[in-house]
Amino acid sequence: MLAATAVYGCRYCSYLHTREALKSGLPKEEVVRLLTHSIESCPEEEVVALFYAQHWAESNAQPEADAVQRLEQIYGSEKAEAINLVLRMIQLGNLAGNSCDYLLYRISFGRWGR
């Protein structure tokens, strides 16, 4: 979630996912690395999924076919489908958060939101 959220830049989702990651025991340093697109120190079994999540978000939910194939090859089709579902949910949440910020910005003449 943090890898995709970092691409979208929604402050609400960044806050929520950071809070949940820290509550689940992820070290603060790891959260910072994920939010800054750094995956070097992540567990090896998660690296492909994290790169895929970033690619998925950067490509506006249109990942390249070879990336989808690699994800399915590494994790199996059922887990790959679950990853894609979570990514769609994250995208929806980020779009809602960023839209709310824009609305706040417009109705406050630039005092609130971004």
PDB file of N, CA and C in Angstrom:
ATOM      1  N   MET A   1       0.822  -1.194   0.000  1.00  0.00           N
ATOM      2  CA  MET A   1       0.000   0.000   0.000  1.00  0.00           C
ATOM      3  C   MET A   1       0.865   1.256   0.000  1.00  0.00           C
ATOM      4  N   LEU A   2       1.940   1.235   0.783  1.00  0.00           N
ATOM      5  CA  LEU A   2       2.807   2.413   0.837  1.00  0.00           C
ATOM      6  C   LEU A   2       3.501   2.668  -0.492  1.00  0.00           C
ATOM      7  N   ALA A   3       3.879   1.609  -1.197  1.00  0.00           N
ATOM      8  CA  ALA A   3       4.571   1.778  -2.480  1.00  0.00           C
ATOM      9  C   ALA A   3       3.676   2.464  -3.497  1.00  0.00           C
ATOM     10  N   ALA A   4       2.423   2.080  -3.558  1.00  0.00           N
ATOM     11  CA  ALA A   4       1.486   2.715  -4.499  1.00  0.00           C
ATOM     12  C   ALA A   4       1.071   4.099  -4.014  1.00  0.00           C
ATOM     13  N   THR A   5       0.837   4.244  -2.736  1.00  0.00           N
ATOM     14  CA  THR A   5       0.433   5.530  -2.180  1.00  0.00           C
ATOM     15  C   THR A   5       1.494   6.591  -2.412  1.00  0.00           C
ATOM     16  N   ALA A   6       2.758   6.199  -2.342  1.00  0.00           N
ATOM     17  CA  ALA A   6       3.848   7.153  -2.572  1.00  0.00           C
ATOM     18  C   ALA A   6       3.762   7.754  -3.972  1.00  0.00           C
ATOM     19  N   VAL A   7       3.311   6.974  -4.932  1.00  0.00           N
ATOM     20  CA  VAL A   7       3.180   7.466  -6.310  1.00  0.00           C
ATOM     21  C   VAL A   7       2.041   8.473  -6.408  1.00  0.00           C
ATOM     22  N   TYR A   8       0.922   8.188  -5.751  1.00  0.00           N
ATOM     23  CA  TYR A   8      -0.259   9.039  -5.864  1.00  0.00           C
ATOM     24  C   TYR A   8      -0.135  10.355  -5.093  1.00  0.00           C
ATOM     25  N   GLY A   9       0.565  10.340  -3.975  1.00  0.00           N
ATOM     26  CA  GLY A   9       0.788  11.561  -3.224  1.00  0.00           C
ATOM     27  C   GLY A   9      -0.404  12.067  -2.426  1.00  0.00           C
ATOM     28  N   CYS A  10      -1.338  11.221  -2.106  1.00  0.00           N
ATOM     29  CA  CYS A  10      -2.494  11.632  -1.303  1.00  0.00           C
ATOM     30  C   CYS A  10      -2.076  11.683   0.169  1.00  0.00           C
ATOM     31  N   ARG A  11      -2.205  12.853   0.770  1.00  0.00           N
ATOM     32  CA  ARG A  11      -1.752  12.992   2.163  1.00  0.00           C
ATOM     33  C   ARG A  11      -2.607  12.186   3.133  1.00  0.00           C
ATOM     34  N   TYR A  12      -3.883  12.022   2.843  1.00  0.00           N
ATOM     35  CA  TYR A  12      -4.747  11.249   3.727  1.00  0.00           C
ATOM     36  C   TYR A  12      -4.357   9.767   3.705  1.00  0.00           C
ATOM     37  N   CYS A  13      -4.148   9.247   2.510  1.00  0.00           N
ATOM     38  CA  CYS A  13      -3.775   7.837   2.384  1.00  0.00           C
ATOM     39  C   CYS A  13      -2.367   7.593   2.922  1.00  0.00           C
ATOM     40  N   SER A  14      -1.464   8.527   2.682  1.00  0.00           N
ATOM     41  CA  SER A  14      -0.108   8.391   3.223  1.00  0.00           C
ATOM     42  C   SER A  14      -0.154   8.311   4.740  1.00  0.00           C
ATOM     43  N   TYR A  15      -0.949   9.171   5.352  1.00  0.00           N
ATOM     44  CA  TYR A  15      -1.086   9.158   6.806  1.00  0.00           C
ATOM     45  C   TYR A  15      -1.673   7.828   7.284  1.00  0.00           C
ATOM     46  N   LEU A  16      -2.776   7.415   6.667  1.00  0.00           N
ATOM     47  CA  LEU A  16      -3.456   6.194   7.093  1.00  0.00           C
ATOM     48  C   LEU A  16      -2.559   4.968   6.921  1.00  0.00           C
ATOM     49  N   HIS A  17      -1.946   4.823   5.749  1.00  0.00           N
ATOM     50  CA  HIS A  17      -1.115   3.648   5.498  1.00  0.00           C
ATOM     51  C   HIS A  17       0.141   3.659   6.360  1.00  0.00           C
ATOM     52  N   THR A  18       0.694   4.836   6.613  1.00  0.00           N
ATOM     53  CA  THR A  18       1.863   4.933   7.493  1.00  0.00           C
ATOM     54  C   THR A  18       1.491   4.519   8.904  1.00  0.00           C
ATOM     55  N   ARG A  19       0.385   5.034   9.393  1.00  0.00           N
ATOM     56  CA  ARG A  19      -0.070   4.686  10.746  1.00  0.00           C
ATOM     57  C   ARG A  19      -0.277   3.180  10.876  1.00  0.00           C
ATOM     58  N   GLU A  20      -0.956   2.582   9.890  1.00  0.00           N
ATOM     59  CA  GLU A  20      -1.230   1.147   9.949  1.00  0.00           C
ATOM     60  C   GLU A  20       0.063   0.321   9.838  1.00  0.00           C
ATOM     61  N   ALA A  21       0.985   0.765   9.002  1.00  0.00           N
ATOM     62  CA  ALA A  21       2.260   0.052   8.865  1.00  0.00           C
ATOM     63  C   ALA A  21       3.039   0.072  10.178  1.00  0.00           C
ATOM     64  N   LEU A  22       3.077   1.227  10.820  1.00  0.00           N
ATOM     65  CA  LEU A  22       3.785   1.340  12.100  1.00  0.00           C
ATOM     66  C   LEU A  22       3.099   0.512  13.174  1.00  0.00           C
ATOM     67  N   LYS A  23       1.757   0.509  13.197  1.00  0.00           N
ATOM     68  CA  LYS A  23       1.019  -0.292  14.170  1.00  0.00           C
ATOM     69  C   LYS A  23       1.262  -1.784  13.964  1.00  0.00           C
ATOM     70  N   SER A  24       1.487  -2.186  12.708  1.00  0.00           N
ATOM     71  CA  SER A  24       1.702  -3.614  12.441  1.00  0.00           C
ATOM     72  C   SER A  24       3.149  -4.040  12.685  1.00  0.00           C
ATOM     73  N   GLY A  25       4.005  -3.081  13.066  1.00  0.00           N
ATOM     74  CA  GLY A  25       5.373  -3.431  13.426  1.00  0.00           C
ATOM     75  C   GLY A  25       6.437  -3.100  12.392  1.00  0.00           C
ATOM     76  N   LEU A  26       6.074  -2.493  11.284  1.00  0.00           N
ATOM     77  CA  LEU A  26       7.063  -2.100  10.282  1.00  0.00           C
ATOM     78  C   LEU A  26       7.897  -0.966  10.860  1.00  0.00           C
ATOM     79  N   PRO A  27       9.218  -1.100  10.829  1.00  0.00           N
ATOM     80  CA  PRO A  27      10.069  -0.045  11.389  1.00  0.00           C
ATOM     81  C   PRO A  27       9.891   1.280  10.650  1.00  0.00           C
ATOM     82  N   LYS A  28      10.034   2.376  11.388  1.00  0.00           N
ATOM     83  CA  LYS A  28       9.861   3.715  10.830  1.00  0.00           C
ATOM     84  C   LYS A  28      10.772   3.928   9.622  1.00  0.00           C
ATOM     85  N   GLU A  29      11.987   3.438   9.692  1.00  0.00           N
ATOM     86  CA  GLU A  29      12.938   3.604   8.590  1.00  0.00           C
ATOM     87  C   GLU A  29      12.435   2.941   7.315  1.00  0.00           C
ATOM     88  N   GLU A  30      11.787   1.790   7.455  1.00  0.00           N
ATOM     89  CA  GLU A  30      11.245   1.072   6.304  1.00  0.00           C
ATOM     90  C   GLU A  30      10.070   1.833   5.701  1.00  0.00           C
ATOM     91  N   VAL A  31       9.241   2.419   6.546  1.00  0.00           N
ATOM     92  CA  VAL A  31       8.117   3.230   6.062  1.00  0.00           C
ATOM     93  C   VAL A  31       8.654   4.395   5.243  1.00  0.00           C
ATOM     94  N   VAL A  32       9.659   5.073   5.770  1.00  0.00           N
ATOM     95  CA  VAL A  32      10.256   6.210   5.062  1.00  0.00           C
ATOM     96  C   VAL A  32      10.814   5.759   3.717  1.00  0.00           C
ATOM     97  N   ARG A  33      11.500   4.624   3.695  1.00  0.00           N
ATOM     98  CA  ARG A  33      12.063   4.128   2.429  1.00  0.00           C
ATOM     99  C   ARG A  33      10.966   3.843   1.409  1.00  0.00           C
ATOM    100  N   LEU A  34       9.883   3.214   1.830  1.00  0.00           N
ATOM    101  CA  LEU A  34       8.791   2.907   0.898  1.00  0.00           C
ATOM    102  C   LEU A  34       8.123   4.177   0.379  1.00  0.00           C
ATOM    103  N   LEU A  35       7.964   5.156   1.236  1.00  0.00           N
ATOM    104  CA  LEU A  35       7.329   6.406   0.813  1.00  0.00           C
ATOM    105  C   LEU A  35       8.231   7.246  -0.086  1.00  0.00           C
ATOM    106  N   THR A  36       9.509   6.909  -0.117  1.00  0.00           N
ATOM    107  CA  THR A  36      10.443   7.625  -1.002  1.00  0.00           C
ATOM    108  C   THR A  36      10.878   6.735  -2.165  1.00  0.00           C
ATOM    109  N   HIS A  37      10.094   5.704  -2.439  1.00  0.00           N
ATOM    110  CA  HIS A  37      10.295   4.809  -3.588  1.00  0.00           C
ATOM    111  C   HIS A  37      11.574   3.976  -3.490  1.00  0.00           C
ATOM    112  N   SER A  38      12.065   3.727  -2.306  1.00  0.00           N
ATOM    113  CA  SER A  38      13.276   2.932  -2.123  1.00  0.00           C
ATOM    114  C   SER A  38      12.894   1.537  -1.644  1.00  0.00           C
ATOM    115  N   ILE A  39      13.303   0.529  -2.392  1.00  0.00           N
ATOM    116  CA  ILE A  39      12.892  -0.844  -2.092  1.00  0.00           C
ATOM    117  C   ILE A  39      14.090  -1.751  -1.773  1.00  0.00           C
ATOM    118  N   GLU A  40      15.285  -1.206  -1.771  1.00  0.00           N
ATOM    119  CA  GLU A  40      16.492  -2.027  -1.615  1.00  0.00           C
ATOM    120  C   GLU A  40      16.488  -2.943  -0.398  1.00  0.00           C
ATOM    121  N   SER A  41      16.021  -2.471   0.730  1.00  0.00           N
ATOM    122  CA  SER A  41      16.122  -3.249   1.959  1.00  0.00           C
ATOM    123  C   SER A  41      14.880  -4.090   2.265  1.00  0.00           C
ATOM    124  N   CYS A  42      13.934  -4.139   1.352  1.00  0.00           N
ATOM    125  CA  CYS A  42      12.714  -4.919   1.573  1.00  0.00           C
ATOM    126  C   CYS A  42      13.012  -6.413   1.470  1.00  0.00           C
ATOM    127  N   PRO A  43      12.187  -7.224   2.120  1.00  0.00           N
ATOM    128  CA  PRO A  43      12.374  -8.672   2.007  1.00  0.00           C
ATOM    129  C   PRO A  43      12.322  -9.118   0.542  1.00  0.00           C
ATOM    130  N   GLU A  44      13.197 -10.013   0.178  1.00  0.00           N
ATOM    131  CA  GLU A  44      13.330 -10.455  -1.213  1.00  0.00           C
ATOM    132  C   GLU A  44      12.019 -10.982  -1.792  1.00  0.00           C
ATOM    133  N   GLU A  45      11.227 -11.651  -0.968  1.00  0.00           N
ATOM    134  CA  GLU A  45       9.973 -12.232  -1.460  1.00  0.00           C
ATOM    135  C   GLU A  45       8.905 -11.165  -1.741  1.00  0.00           C
ATOM    136  N   GLU A  46       9.142  -9.918  -1.321  1.00  0.00           N
ATOM    137  CA  GLU A  46       8.179  -8.846  -1.549  1.00  0.00           C
ATOM    138  C   GLU A  46       8.594  -7.872  -2.642  1.00  0.00           C
ATOM    139  N   VAL A  47       9.828  -7.931  -3.093  1.00  0.00           N
ATOM    140  CA  VAL A  47      10.368  -6.935  -4.018  1.00  0.00           C
ATOM    141  C   VAL A  47       9.587  -6.868  -5.330  1.00  0.00           C
ATOM    142  N   VAL A  48       9.279  -8.007  -5.919  1.00  0.00           N
ATOM    143  CA  VAL A  48       8.548  -8.008  -7.195  1.00  0.00           C
ATOM    144  C   VAL A  48       7.181  -7.348  -7.023  1.00  0.00           C
ATOM    145  N   ALA A  49       6.480  -7.661  -5.952  1.00  0.00           N
ATOM    146  CA  ALA A  49       5.164  -7.065  -5.715  1.00  0.00           C
ATOM    147  C   ALA A  49       5.273  -5.558  -5.495  1.00  0.00           C
ATOM    148  N   LEU A  50       6.304  -5.111  -4.806  1.00  0.00           N
ATOM    149  CA  LEU A  50       6.475  -3.678  -4.554  1.00  0.00           C
ATOM    150  C   LEU A  50       6.806  -2.922  -5.836  1.00  0.00           C
ATOM    151  N   PHE A  51       7.700  -3.477  -6.633  1.00  0.00           N
ATOM    152  CA  PHE A  51       8.003  -2.848  -7.929  1.00  0.00           C
ATOM    153  C   PHE A  51       6.758  -2.826  -8.816  1.00  0.00           C
ATOM    154  N   TYR A  52       6.006  -3.913  -8.781  1.00  0.00           N
ATOM    155  CA  TYR A  52       4.779  -3.983  -9.576  1.00  0.00           C
ATOM    156  C   TYR A  52       3.779  -2.917  -9.113  1.00  0.00           C
ATOM    157  N   ALA A  53       3.622  -2.762  -7.803  1.00  0.00           N
ATOM    158  CA  ALA A  53       2.684  -1.765  -7.274  1.00  0.00           C
ATOM    159  C   ALA A  53       3.076  -0.358  -7.731  1.00  0.00           C
ATOM    160  N   GLN A  54       4.357  -0.052  -7.684  1.00  0.00           N
ATOM    161  CA  GLN A  54       4.815   1.253  -8.156  1.00  0.00           C
ATOM    162  C   GLN A  54       4.543   1.411  -9.650  1.00  0.00           C
ATOM    163  N   HIS A  55       4.880   0.389 -10.424  1.00  0.00           N
ATOM    164  CA  HIS A  55       4.656   0.433 -11.874  1.00  0.00           C
ATOM    165  C   HIS A  55       3.172   0.576 -12.186  1.00  0.00           C
ATOM    166  N   TRP A  56       2.352  -0.158 -11.481  1.00  0.00           N
ATOM    167  CA  TRP A  56       0.899  -0.123 -11.683  1.00  0.00           C
ATOM    168  C   TRP A  56       0.375   1.287 -11.455  1.00  0.00           C
ATOM    169  N   ALA A  57       0.793   1.917 -10.373  1.00  0.00           N
ATOM    170  CA  ALA A  57       0.340   3.275 -10.060  1.00  0.00           C
ATOM    171  C   ALA A  57       0.889   4.287 -11.070  1.00  0.00           C
ATOM    172  N   GLU A  58       2.157   4.169 -11.417  1.00  0.00           N
ATOM    173  CA  GLU A  58       2.774   5.105 -12.369  1.00  0.00           C
ATOM    174  C   GLU A  58       2.170   4.991 -13.765  1.00  0.00           C
ATOM    175  N   SER A  59       1.700   3.805 -14.115  1.00  0.00           N
ATOM    176  CA  SER A  59       1.127   3.587 -15.444  1.00  0.00           C
ATOM    177  C   SER A  59      -0.386   3.811 -15.468  1.00  0.00           C
ATOM    178  N   ASN A  60      -0.913   4.398 -14.396  1.00  0.00           N
ATOM    179  CA  ASN A  60      -2.349   4.662 -14.289  1.00  0.00           C
ATOM    180  C   ASN A  60      -3.178   3.389 -14.465  1.00  0.00           C
ATOM    181  N   ALA A  61      -2.802   2.366 -13.738  1.00  0.00           N
ATOM    182  CA  ALA A  61      -3.504   1.080 -13.728  1.00  0.00           C
ATOM    183  C   ALA A  61      -3.427   0.344 -15.066  1.00  0.00           C
ATOM    184  N   GLN A  62      -2.403   0.642 -15.845  1.00  0.00           N
ATOM    185  CA  GLN A  62      -2.198  -0.030 -17.130  1.00  0.00           C
ATOM    186  C   GLN A  62      -0.797  -0.652 -17.171  1.00  0.00           C
ATOM    187  N   PRO A  63      -0.525  -1.641 -16.317  1.00  0.00           N
ATOM    188  CA  PRO A  63       0.818  -2.220 -16.284  1.00  0.00           C
ATOM    189  C   PRO A  63       1.142  -2.954 -17.585  1.00  0.00           C
ATOM    190  N   GLU A  64       2.408  -2.998 -17.888  1.00  0.00           N
ATOM    191  CA  GLU A  64       2.847  -3.717 -19.089  1.00  0.00           C
ATOM    192  C   GLU A  64       2.558  -5.209 -18.919  1.00  0.00           C
ATOM    193  N   ALA A  65       2.282  -5.863 -20.030  1.00  0.00           N
ATOM    194  CA  ALA A  65       1.909  -7.283 -20.009  1.00  0.00           C
ATOM    195  C   ALA A  65       2.990  -8.146 -19.366  1.00  0.00           C
ATOM    196  N   ASP A  66       4.255  -7.844 -19.630  1.00  0.00           N
ATOM    197  CA  ASP A  66       5.320  -8.660 -19.041  1.00  0.00           C
ATOM    198  C   ASP A  66       5.391  -8.476 -17.522  1.00  0.00           C
ATOM    199  N   ALA A  67       5.006  -7.303 -17.012  1.00  0.00           N
ATOM    200  CA  ALA A  67       4.978  -7.093 -15.563  1.00  0.00           C
ATOM    201  C   ALA A  67       3.863  -7.927 -14.929  1.00  0.00           C
ATOM    202  N   VAL A  68       2.711  -7.959 -15.576  1.00  0.00           N
ATOM    203  CA  VAL A  68       1.593  -8.771 -15.083  1.00  0.00           C
ATOM    204  C   VAL A  68       1.980 -10.250 -15.099  1.00  0.00           C
ATOM    205  N   GLN A  69       2.602 -10.668 -16.184  1.00  0.00           N
ATOM    206  CA  GLN A  69       3.018 -12.062 -16.317  1.00  0.00           C
ATOM    207  C   GLN A  69       4.035 -12.438 -15.246  1.00  0.00           C
ATOM    208  N   ARG A  70       4.981 -11.564 -14.989  1.00  0.00           N
ATOM    209  CA  ARG A  70       6.007 -11.815 -13.958  1.00  0.00           C
ATOM    210  C   ARG A  70       5.348 -11.918 -12.586  1.00  0.00           C
ATOM    211  N   LEU A  71       4.403 -11.029 -12.296  1.00  0.00           N
ATOM    212  CA  LEU A  71       3.703 -11.067 -11.011  1.00  0.00           C
ATOM    213  C   LEU A  71       3.000 -12.413 -10.832  1.00  0.00           C
ATOM    214  N   GLU A  72       2.289 -12.861 -11.866  1.00  0.00           N
ATOM    215  CA  GLU A  72       1.585 -14.143 -11.794  1.00  0.00           C
ATOM    216  C   GLU A  72       2.556 -15.308 -11.688  1.00  0.00           C
ATOM    217  N   GLN A  73       3.668 -15.197 -12.367  1.00  0.00           N
ATOM    218  CA  GLN A  73       4.682 -16.256 -12.341  1.00  0.00           C
ATOM    219  C   GLN A  73       5.280 -16.409 -10.936  1.00  0.00           C
ATOM    220  N   ILE A  74       5.526 -15.294 -10.269  1.00  0.00           N
ATOM    221  CA  ILE A  74       6.149 -15.319  -8.942  1.00  0.00           C
ATOM    222  C   ILE A  74       5.149 -15.700  -7.850  1.00  0.00           C
ATOM    223  N   TYR A  75       3.954 -15.113  -7.891  1.00  0.00           N
ATOM    224  CA  TYR A  75       3.006 -15.274  -6.791  1.00  0.00           C
ATOM    225  C   TYR A  75       1.818 -16.178  -7.085  1.00  0.00           C
ATOM    226  N   GLY A  76       1.638 -16.573  -8.335  1.00  0.00           N
ATOM    227  CA  GLY A  76       0.480 -17.368  -8.705  1.00  0.00           C
ATOM    228  C   GLY A  76      -0.677 -16.454  -9.093  1.00  0.00           C
ATOM    229  N   SER A  77      -1.593 -16.986  -9.886  1.00  0.00           N
ATOM    230  CA  SER A  77      -2.668 -16.143 -10.431  1.00  0.00           C
ATOM    231  C   SER A  77      -3.628 -15.641  -9.352  1.00  0.00           C
ATOM    232  N   GLU A  78      -3.920 -16.442  -8.345  1.00  0.00           N
ATOM    233  CA  GLU A  78      -4.854 -16.028  -7.301  1.00  0.00           C
ATOM    234  C   GLU A  78      -4.289 -14.864  -6.480  1.00  0.00           C
ATOM    235  N   LYS A  79      -3.028 -14.970  -6.068  1.00  0.00           N
ATOM    236  CA  LYS A  79      -2.405 -13.897  -5.290  1.00  0.00           C
ATOM    237  C   LYS A  79      -2.204 -12.655  -6.157  1.00  0.00           C
ATOM    238  N   ALA A  80      -1.844 -12.830  -7.426  1.00  0.00           N
ATOM    239  CA  ALA A  80      -1.687 -11.693  -8.338  1.00  0.00           C
ATOM    240  C   ALA A  80      -3.012 -10.966  -8.508  1.00  0.00           C
ATOM    241  N   GLU A  81      -4.099 -11.701  -8.602  1.00  0.00           N
ATOM    242  CA  GLU A  81      -5.427 -11.086  -8.711  1.00  0.00           C
ATOM    243  C   GLU A  81      -5.755 -10.291  -7.449  1.00  0.00           C
ATOM    244  N   ALA A  82      -5.395 -10.832  -6.291  1.00  0.00           N
ATOM    245  CA  ALA A  82      -5.630 -10.129  -5.023  1.00  0.00           C
ATOM    246  C   ALA A  82      -4.788  -8.848  -4.959  1.00  0.00           C
ATOM    247  N   ILE A  83      -3.553  -8.899  -5.424  1.00  0.00           N
ATOM    248  CA  ILE A  83      -2.693  -7.711  -5.453  1.00  0.00           C
ATOM    249  C   ILE A  83      -3.309  -6.644  -6.344  1.00  0.00           C
ATOM    250  N   ASN A  84      -3.795  -7.043  -7.518  1.00  0.00           N
ATOM    251  CA  ASN A  84      -4.427  -6.085  -8.427  1.00  0.00           C
ATOM    252  C   ASN A  84      -5.702  -5.491  -7.826  1.00  0.00           C
ATOM    253  N   LEU A  85      -6.464  -6.280  -7.114  1.00  0.00           N
ATOM    254  CA  LEU A  85      -7.676  -5.781  -6.459  1.00  0.00           C
ATOM    255  C   LEU A  85      -7.321  -4.731  -5.408  1.00  0.00           C
ATOM    256  N   VAL A  86      -6.322  -5.025  -4.592  1.00  0.00           N
ATOM    257  CA  VAL A  86      -5.890  -4.065  -3.572  1.00  0.00           C
ATOM    258  C   VAL A  86      -5.390  -2.785  -4.228  1.00  0.00           C
ATOM    259  N   LEU A  87      -4.671  -2.905  -5.324  1.00  0.00           N
ATOM    260  CA  LEU A  87      -4.169  -1.718  -6.024  1.00  0.00           C
ATOM    261  C   LEU A  87      -5.315  -0.866  -6.568  1.00  0.00           C
ATOM    262  N   ARG A  88      -6.356  -1.496  -7.055  1.00  0.00           N
ATOM    263  CA  ARG A  88      -7.524  -0.736  -7.519  1.00  0.00           C
ATOM    264  C   ARG A  88      -8.208  -0.019  -6.348  1.00  0.00           C
ATOM    265  N   MET A  89      -8.288  -0.680  -5.205  1.00  0.00           N
ATOM    266  CA  MET A  89      -8.880  -0.048  -4.027  1.00  0.00           C
ATOM    267  C   MET A  89      -8.033   1.144  -3.570  1.00  0.00           C
ATOM    268  N   ILE A  90      -6.721   0.989  -3.591  1.00  0.00           N
ATOM    269  CA  ILE A  90      -5.827   2.080  -3.211  1.00  0.00           C
ATOM    270  C   ILE A  90      -5.988   3.247  -4.176  1.00  0.00           C
ATOM    271  N   GLN A  91      -6.068   2.955  -5.475  1.00  0.00           N
ATOM    272  CA  GLN A  91      -6.236   4.012  -6.466  1.00  0.00           C
ATOM    273  C   GLN A  91      -7.527   4.789  -6.217  1.00  0.00           C
ATOM    274  N   LEU A  92      -8.596   4.097  -5.942  1.00  0.00           N
ATOM    275  CA  LEU A  92      -9.876   4.745  -5.663  1.00  0.00           C
ATOM    276  C   LEU A  92      -9.776   5.640  -4.425  1.00  0.00           C
ATOM    277  N   GLY A  93      -9.177   5.127  -3.369  1.00  0.00           N
ATOM    278  CA  GLY A  93      -9.007   5.913  -2.152  1.00  0.00           C
ATOM    279  C   GLY A  93      -8.152   7.146  -2.381  1.00  0.00           C
ATOM    280  N   ASN A  94      -7.060   6.985  -3.125  1.00  0.00           N
ATOM    281  CA  ASN A  94      -6.181   8.122  -3.403  1.00  0.00           C
ATOM    282  C   ASN A  94      -6.870   9.156  -4.282  1.00  0.00           C
ATOM    283  N   LEU A  95      -7.618   8.710  -5.267  1.00  0.00           N
ATOM    284  CA  LEU A  95      -8.357   9.656  -6.106  1.00  0.00           C
ATOM    285  C   LEU A  95      -9.377  10.440  -5.281  1.00  0.00           C
ATOM    286  N   ALA A  96     -10.035   9.767  -4.357  1.00  0.00           N
ATOM    287  CA  ALA A  96     -11.007  10.444  -3.497  1.00  0.00           C
ATOM    288  C   ALA A  96     -10.311  11.463  -2.596  1.00  0.00           C
ATOM    289  N   GLY A  97      -9.196  11.075  -1.998  1.00  0.00           N
ATOM    290  CA  GLY A  97      -8.469  11.991  -1.120  1.00  0.00           C
ATOM    291  C   GLY A  97      -7.938  13.203  -1.857  1.00  0.00           C
ATOM    292  N   ASN A  98      -7.334  12.984  -3.010  1.00  0.00           N
ATOM    293  CA  ASN A  98      -6.807  14.099  -3.793  1.00  0.00           C
ATOM    294  C   ASN A  98      -7.928  14.999  -4.308  1.00  0.00           C
ATOM    295  N   SER A  99      -9.073  14.412  -4.651  1.00  0.00           N
ATOM    296  CA  SER A  99     -10.221  15.210  -5.092  1.00  0.00           C
ATOM    297  C   SER A  99     -10.759  16.065  -3.954  1.00  0.00           C
ATOM    298  N   CYS A 100     -10.814  15.511  -2.756  1.00  0.00           N
ATOM    299  CA  CYS A 100     -11.264  16.290  -1.590  1.00  0.00           C
ATOM    300  C   CYS A 100     -10.315  17.455  -1.330  1.00  0.00           C
ATOM    301  N   ASP A 101      -9.013  17.198  -1.426  1.00  0.00           N
ATOM    302  CA  ASP A 101      -8.045  18.274  -1.243  1.00  0.00           C
ATOM    303  C   ASP A 101      -8.239  19.380  -2.281  1.00  0.00           C
ATOM    304  N   TYR A 102      -8.481  19.000  -3.505  1.00  0.00           N
ATOM    305  CA  TYR A 102      -8.674  20.010  -4.554  1.00  0.00           C
ATOM    306  C   TYR A 102      -9.948  20.818  -4.286  1.00  0.00           C
ATOM    307  N   LEU A 103     -11.005  20.134  -3.869  1.00  0.00           N
ATOM    308  CA  LEU A 103     -12.244  20.826  -3.548  1.00  0.00           C
ATOM    309  C   LEU A 103     -12.029  21.816  -2.398  1.00  0.00           C
ATOM    310  N   LEU A 104     -11.327  21.380  -1.345  1.00  0.00           N
ATOM    311  CA  LEU A 104     -11.018  22.282  -0.238  1.00  0.00           C
ATOM    312  C   LEU A 104     -10.222  23.491  -0.716  1.00  0.00           C
ATOM    313  N   TYR A 105      -9.275  23.240  -1.581  1.00  0.00           N
ATOM    314  CA  TYR A 105      -8.444  24.313  -2.123  1.00  0.00           C
ATOM    315  C   TYR A 105      -9.297  25.330  -2.878  1.00  0.00           C
ATOM    316  N   ARG A 106     -10.197  24.827  -3.717  1.00  0.00           N
ATOM    317  CA  ARG A 106     -11.031  25.720  -4.540  1.00  0.00           C
ATOM    318  C   ARG A 106     -12.028  26.528  -3.698  1.00  0.00           C
ATOM    319  N   ILE A 107     -12.716  25.852  -2.775  1.00  0.00           N
ATOM    320  CA  ILE A 107     -13.740  26.592  -2.027  1.00  0.00           C
ATOM    321  C   ILE A 107     -13.142  27.519  -0.979  1.00  0.00           C
ATOM    322  N   SER A 108     -11.879  27.318  -0.611  1.00  0.00           N
ATOM    323  CA  SER A 108     -11.233  28.185   0.380  1.00  0.00           C
ATOM    324  C   SER A 108     -10.323  29.222  -0.279  1.00  0.00           C
ATOM    325  N   PHE A 109     -10.375  29.300  -1.600  1.00  0.00           N
ATOM    326  CA  PHE A 109      -9.526  30.233  -2.360  1.00  0.00           C
ATOM    327  C   PHE A 109      -8.048  30.018  -2.036  1.00  0.00           C
ATOM    328  N   GLY A 110      -7.662  28.744  -1.913  1.00  0.00           N
ATOM    329  CA  GLY A 110      -6.253  28.394  -1.739  1.00  0.00           C
ATOM    330  C   GLY A 110      -5.755  28.337  -0.316  1.00  0.00           C
ATOM    331  N   ARG A 111      -6.616  28.546   0.669  1.00  0.00           N
ATOM    332  CA  ARG A 111      -6.157  28.514   2.072  1.00  0.00           C
ATOM    333  C   ARG A 111      -6.049  27.089   2.615  1.00  0.00           C
ATOM    334  N   TRP A 112      -6.883  26.174   2.146  1.00  0.00           N
ATOM    335  CA  TRP A 112      -6.879  24.786   2.620  1.00  0.00           C
ATOM    336  C   TRP A 112      -6.599  23.858   1.456  1.00  0.00           C
ATOM    337  N   GLY A 113      -6.311  22.625   1.810  1.00  0.00           N
ATOM    338  CA  GLY A 113      -6.023  21.634   0.752  1.00  0.00           C
ATOM    339  C   GLY A 113      -4.720  21.955   0.063  1.00  0.00           C
ATOM    340  N   ARG A 114      -4.523  21.323  -1.049  1.00  0.00           N
ATOM    341  CA  ARG A 114      -3.287  21.565  -1.824  1.00  0.00           C
ATOM    342  C   ARG A 114      -3.619  22.200  -3.127  1.00  0.00           C
TER     343      ARG A 114
END
